[in-house]
Amino acid sequence: MGGADLSDANLFLANLSGAKLISANLSRAMMGGADLSGANLRGANLSDAEIGSAQLSHAELIGANLSRAKMGGADLSGANLNIANLTHAKLISANLSRAKMGGADLSGANLNIANLSHAELNIANLTHADLINADLSGAEMLSANLSDANLTAPG
């Protein structure tokens, strides 16, 4: 299914574990609760997709476009998001533990209460990212850009 056009598709609760969706167009797709664990989504377009509570553990998302994706509560533990575009993505309460996000663009992303423990964020762009109550314990952030990132709760 490499390069497949699944834009606007309803994949709610679909089992796509291990699927090969390289360079697929999944923009605006509804994938809430879907199982994409171990899927190969390298270079896929998931912009504006609804991916809340989806299972993406150990998924291959190198260079994927996840801009403005709604991924609250999604499990991306161990996923490879190197050089992915996550600008303005909503990752509230998402599990990104041990995820690889080297060179990823997370500018303007909402990572409230996200688990980023032991994640690799080297050279990542986190400008204007919202990291309130995010768990960054053990995260690697060598040369990451945290300009104007919000790391403290109001009050």
C-alpha atoms as a PDB file:
ATOM      1  CA  MET A   1       0.000   0.000   0.000  1.00  0.00           C
ATOM      2  CA  GLY A   2       2.988   2.299  -0.497  1.00  0.00           C
ATOM      3  CA  GLY A   3       1.910   5.698  -1.801  1.00  0.00           C
ATOM      4  CA  ALA A   4      -1.772   4.825  -1.316  1.00  0.00           C
ATOM      5  CA  ASP A   5      -4.296   7.673  -1.127  1.00  0.00           C
ATOM      6  CA  LEU A   6      -6.300   7.170   2.054  1.00  0.00           C
ATOM      7  CA  SER A   7      -7.016  10.844   2.665  1.00  0.00           C
ATOM      8  CA  ASP A   8     -10.271  11.402   4.559  1.00  0.00           C
ATOM      9  CA  ALA A   9     -10.571   7.624   5.142  1.00  0.00           C
ATOM     10  CA  ASN A  10     -12.434   6.295   8.164  1.00  0.00           C
ATOM     11  CA  LEU A  11     -10.000   3.885   9.802  1.00  0.00           C
ATOM     12  CA  PHE A  12     -11.446   4.175  13.307  1.00  0.00           C
ATOM     13  CA  LEU A  13     -10.316   1.173  15.402  1.00  0.00           C
ATOM     14  CA  ALA A  14      -8.725  -0.447  12.296  1.00  0.00           C
ATOM     15  CA  ASN A  15      -6.023  -3.061  12.757  1.00  0.00           C
ATOM     16  CA  LEU A  16      -3.109  -1.913  10.612  1.00  0.00           C
ATOM     17  CA  SER A  17      -0.310  -3.298  12.773  1.00  0.00           C
ATOM     18  CA  GLY A  18       2.779  -3.937  10.686  1.00  0.00           C
ATOM     19  CA  ALA A  19       1.200  -2.347   7.591  1.00  0.00           C
ATOM     20  CA  LYS A  20       3.485  -0.891   4.917  1.00  0.00           C
ATOM     21  CA  LEU A  21       2.112   2.570   4.206  1.00  0.00           C
ATOM     22  CA  ILE A  22       5.285   4.224   2.920  1.00  0.00           C
ATOM     23  CA  SER A  23       4.546   7.699   1.498  1.00  0.00           C
ATOM     24  CA  ALA A  24       0.790   7.076   1.888  1.00  0.00           C
ATOM     25  CA  ASN A  25      -1.582  10.034   2.010  1.00  0.00           C
ATOM     26  CA  LEU A  26      -3.571   9.735   5.245  1.00  0.00           C
ATOM     27  CA  SER A  27      -4.312  13.434   5.599  1.00  0.00           C
ATOM     28  CA  ARG A  28      -7.520  14.123   7.530  1.00  0.00           C
ATOM     29  CA  ALA A  29      -8.008  10.359   8.082  1.00  0.00           C
ATOM     30  CA  MET A  30     -10.005   9.282  11.139  1.00  0.00           C
ATOM     31  CA  MET A  31      -7.812   6.747  12.934  1.00  0.00           C
ATOM     32  CA  GLY A  32      -8.894   7.034  16.557  1.00  0.00           C
ATOM     33  CA  GLY A  33      -8.063   3.875  18.477  1.00  0.00           C
ATOM     34  CA  ALA A  34      -6.464   2.251  15.411  1.00  0.00           C
ATOM     35  CA  ASP A  35      -3.604  -0.226  15.848  1.00  0.00           C
ATOM     36  CA  LEU A  36      -0.642   0.914  13.751  1.00  0.00           C
ATOM     37  CA  SER A  37       1.999  -0.677  15.957  1.00  0.00           C
ATOM     38  CA  GLY A  38       5.099  -1.541  13.977  1.00  0.00           C
ATOM     39  CA  ALA A  39       3.629   0.010  10.822  1.00  0.00           C
ATOM     40  CA  ASN A  40       5.968   1.550   8.246  1.00  0.00           C
ATOM     41  CA  LEU A  41       4.687   5.083   7.612  1.00  0.00           C
ATOM     42  CA  ARG A  42       7.988   6.518   6.398  1.00  0.00           C
ATOM     43  CA  GLY A  43       7.306   9.780   4.534  1.00  0.00           C
ATOM     44  CA  ALA A  44       3.522   9.424   4.978  1.00  0.00           C
ATOM     45  CA  ASN A  45       1.230  12.440   5.082  1.00  0.00           C
ATOM     46  CA  LEU A  46      -0.860  12.336   8.277  1.00  0.00           C
ATOM     47  CA  SER A  47      -1.496  16.070   8.450  1.00  0.00           C
ATOM     48  CA  ASP A  48      -4.751  17.029  10.178  1.00  0.00           C
ATOM     49  CA  ALA A  49      -5.447  13.336  10.920  1.00  0.00           C
ATOM     50  CA  GLU A  50      -7.431  12.258  13.993  1.00  0.00           C
ATOM     51  CA  ILE A  51      -5.181   9.708  15.691  1.00  0.00           C
ATOM     52  CA  GLY A  52      -6.332   9.976  19.311  1.00  0.00           C
ATOM     53  CA  SER A  53      -5.714   6.907  21.497  1.00  0.00           C
ATOM     54  CA  ALA A  54      -4.147   5.067  18.549  1.00  0.00           C
ATOM     55  CA  GLN A  55      -1.421   2.459  19.016  1.00  0.00           C
ATOM     56  CA  LEU A  56       1.726   3.484  17.119  1.00  0.00           C
ATOM     57  CA  SER A  57       4.368   1.852  19.273  1.00  0.00           C
ATOM     58  CA  HIS A  58       7.539   1.048  17.327  1.00  0.00           C
ATOM     59  CA  ALA A  59       6.034   2.544  14.158  1.00  0.00           C
ATOM     60  CA  GLU A  60       8.398   3.866  11.490  1.00  0.00           C
ATOM     61  CA  LEU A  61       7.486   7.526  10.895  1.00  0.00           C
ATOM     62  CA  ILE A  62      10.770   8.928   9.585  1.00  0.00           C
ATOM     63  CA  GLY A  63      10.071  12.115   7.636  1.00  0.00           C
ATOM     64  CA  ALA A  64       6.302  11.768   8.094  1.00  0.00           C
ATOM     65  CA  ASN A  65       4.078  14.851   8.043  1.00  0.00           C
ATOM     66  CA  LEU A  66       2.009  14.896  11.252  1.00  0.00           C
ATOM     67  CA  SER A  67       1.390  18.634  11.266  1.00  0.00           C
ATOM     68  CA  ARG A  68      -1.792  19.586  13.132  1.00  0.00           C
ATOM     69  CA  ALA A  69      -2.537  15.888  13.796  1.00  0.00           C
ATOM     70  CA  LYS A  70      -4.682  15.247  16.855  1.00  0.00           C
ATOM     71  CA  MET A  71      -2.909  12.483  18.752  1.00  0.00           C
ATOM     72  CA  GLY A  72      -4.058  12.887  22.346  1.00  0.00           C
ATOM     73  CA  GLY A  73      -3.500   9.716  24.338  1.00  0.00           C
ATOM     74  CA  ALA A  74      -1.746   7.960  21.445  1.00  0.00           C
ATOM     75  CA  ASP A  75       0.972   5.416  22.214  1.00  0.00           C
ATOM     76  CA  LEU A  76       4.094   6.280  20.208  1.00  0.00           C
ATOM     77  CA  SER A  77       6.519   4.545  22.552  1.00  0.00           C
ATOM     78  CA  GLY A  78       9.645   3.438  20.732  1.00  0.00           C
ATOM     79  CA  ALA A  79       8.417   4.991  17.464  1.00  0.00           C
ATOM     80  CA  ASN A  80      10.938   6.451  15.022  1.00  0.00           C
ATOM     81  CA  LEU A  81       9.913  10.043  14.290  1.00  0.00           C
ATOM     82  CA  ASN A  82      13.311  11.294  13.139  1.00  0.00           C
ATOM     83  CA  ILE A  83      12.969  14.418  10.954  1.00  0.00           C
ATOM     84  CA  ALA A  84       9.157  14.192  11.166  1.00  0.00           C
ATOM     85  CA  ASN A  85       6.988  17.305  10.901  1.00  0.00           C
ATOM     86  CA  LEU A  86       4.895  17.593  14.086  1.00  0.00           C
ATOM     87  CA  THR A  87       4.251  21.325  13.925  1.00  0.00           C
ATOM     88  CA  HIS A  88       1.152  22.294  15.914  1.00  0.00           C
ATOM     89  CA  ALA A  89       0.376  18.622  16.590  1.00  0.00           C
ATOM     90  CA  LYS A  90      -1.771  17.904  19.637  1.00  0.00           C
ATOM     91  CA  LEU A  91       0.005  15.247  21.683  1.00  0.00           C
ATOM     92  CA  ILE A  92      -1.719  15.781  25.034  1.00  0.00           C
ATOM     93  CA  SER A  93      -1.108  12.763  27.321  1.00  0.00           C
ATOM     94  CA  ALA A  94       0.632  10.915  24.473  1.00  0.00           C
ATOM     95  CA  ASN A  95       3.224   8.268  25.285  1.00  0.00           C
ATOM     96  CA  LEU A  96       6.460   9.112  23.464  1.00  0.00           C
ATOM     97  CA  SER A  97       8.769   7.245  25.818  1.00  0.00           C
ATOM     98  CA  ARG A  98      11.916   6.039  24.080  1.00  0.00           C
ATOM     99  CA  ALA A  99      10.732   7.583  20.792  1.00  0.00           C
ATOM    100  CA  LYS A 100      13.400   8.738  18.361  1.00  0.00           C
ATOM    101  CA  MET A 101      12.712  12.333  17.319  1.00  0.00           C
ATOM    102  CA  GLY A 102      16.098  13.580  16.174  1.00  0.00           C
ATOM    103  CA  GLY A 103      15.709  16.624  13.958  1.00  0.00           C
ATOM    104  CA  ALA A 104      11.912  16.523  14.291  1.00  0.00           C
ATOM    105  CA  ASP A 105       9.963  19.783  14.075  1.00  0.00           C
ATOM    106  CA  LEU A 106       7.690  20.042  17.116  1.00  0.00           C
ATOM    107  CA  SER A 107       7.301  23.814  16.947  1.00  0.00           C
ATOM    108  CA  GLY A 108       3.978  24.910  18.409  1.00  0.00           C
ATOM    109  CA  ALA A 109       3.115  21.330  19.415  1.00  0.00           C
ATOM    110  CA  ASN A 110       0.980  20.713  22.505  1.00  0.00           C
ATOM    111  CA  LEU A 111       2.761  18.117  24.636  1.00  0.00           C
ATOM    112  CA  ASN A 112       0.900  18.737  27.899  1.00  0.00           C
ATOM    113  CA  ILE A 113       1.237  15.753  30.236  1.00  0.00           C
ATOM    114  CA  ALA A 114       3.070  13.805  27.479  1.00  0.00           C
ATOM    115  CA  ASN A 115       5.517  11.075  28.442  1.00  0.00           C
ATOM    116  CA  LEU A 116       8.828  11.890  26.752  1.00  0.00           C
ATOM    117  CA  SER A 117      10.960   9.870  29.171  1.00  0.00           C
ATOM    118  CA  HIS A 118      14.156   8.575  27.567  1.00  0.00           C
ATOM    119  CA  ALA A 119      13.104  10.040  24.198  1.00  0.00           C
ATOM    120  CA  GLU A 120      15.788  11.150  21.753  1.00  0.00           C
ATOM    121  CA  LEU A 121      15.138  14.806  20.891  1.00  0.00           C
ATOM    122  CA  ASN A 122      18.589  15.751  19.639  1.00  0.00           C
ATOM    123  CA  ILE A 123      18.486  18.718  17.249  1.00  0.00           C
ATOM    124  CA  ALA A 124      14.659  18.793  17.551  1.00  0.00           C
ATOM    125  CA  ASN A 125      12.803  22.077  17.124  1.00  0.00           C
ATOM    126  CA  LEU A 126      10.554  22.690  20.145  1.00  0.00           C
ATOM    127  CA  THR A 127      10.073  26.445  19.714  1.00  0.00           C
ATOM    128  CA  HIS A 128       6.749  27.589  21.176  1.00  0.00           C
ATOM    129  CA  ALA A 129       5.979  23.985  22.198  1.00  0.00           C
ATOM    130  CA  ASP A 130       3.729  23.499  25.225  1.00  0.00           C
ATOM    131  CA  LEU A 131       5.470  21.070  27.578  1.00  0.00           C
ATOM    132  CA  ILE A 132       3.485  21.722  30.766  1.00  0.00           C
ATOM    133  CA  ASN A 133       3.685  18.682  33.060  1.00  0.00           C
ATOM    134  CA  ALA A 134       5.497  16.682  30.361  1.00  0.00           C
ATOM    135  CA  ASP A 135       7.838  13.956  31.625  1.00  0.00           C
ATOM    136  CA  LEU A 136      11.280  14.648  30.158  1.00  0.00           C
ATOM    137  CA  SER A 137      13.213  12.408  32.555  1.00  0.00           C
ATOM    138  CA  GLY A 138      16.176  10.804  30.840  1.00  0.00           C
ATOM    139  CA  ALA A 139      15.409  12.524  27.521  1.00  0.00           C
ATOM    140  CA  GLU A 140      18.349  13.363  25.233  1.00  0.00           C
ATOM    141  CA  MET A 141      18.043  16.943  24.018  1.00  0.00           C
ATOM    142  CA  LEU A 142      21.482  17.799  22.623  1.00  0.00           C
ATOM    143  CA  SER A 143      21.216  20.991  20.531  1.00  0.00           C
ATOM    144  CA  ALA A 144      17.399  20.957  20.764  1.00  0.00           C
ATOM    145  CA  ASN A 145      15.784  24.359  20.268  1.00  0.00           C
ATOM    146  CA  LEU A 146      13.518  25.210  23.231  1.00  0.00           C
ATOM    147  CA  SER A 147      13.114  28.912  22.406  1.00  0.00           C
ATOM    148  CA  ASP A 148       9.855  30.225  23.886  1.00  0.00           C
ATOM    149  CA  ALA A 149       8.792  26.695  24.895  1.00  0.00           C
ATOM    150  CA  ASN A 150       6.412  26.605  27.860  1.00  0.00           C
ATOM    151  CA  LEU A 151       7.745  24.296  30.558  1.00  0.00           C
ATOM    152  CA  THR A 152       5.869  25.639  33.582  1.00  0.00           C
ATOM    153  CA  ALA A 153       2.245  25.498  34.592  1.00  0.00           C
ATOM    154  CA  PRO A 154       0.514  28.852  35.035  1.00  0.00           C
ATOM    155  CA  GLY A 155       0.172  30.112  38.571  1.00  0.00           C
END
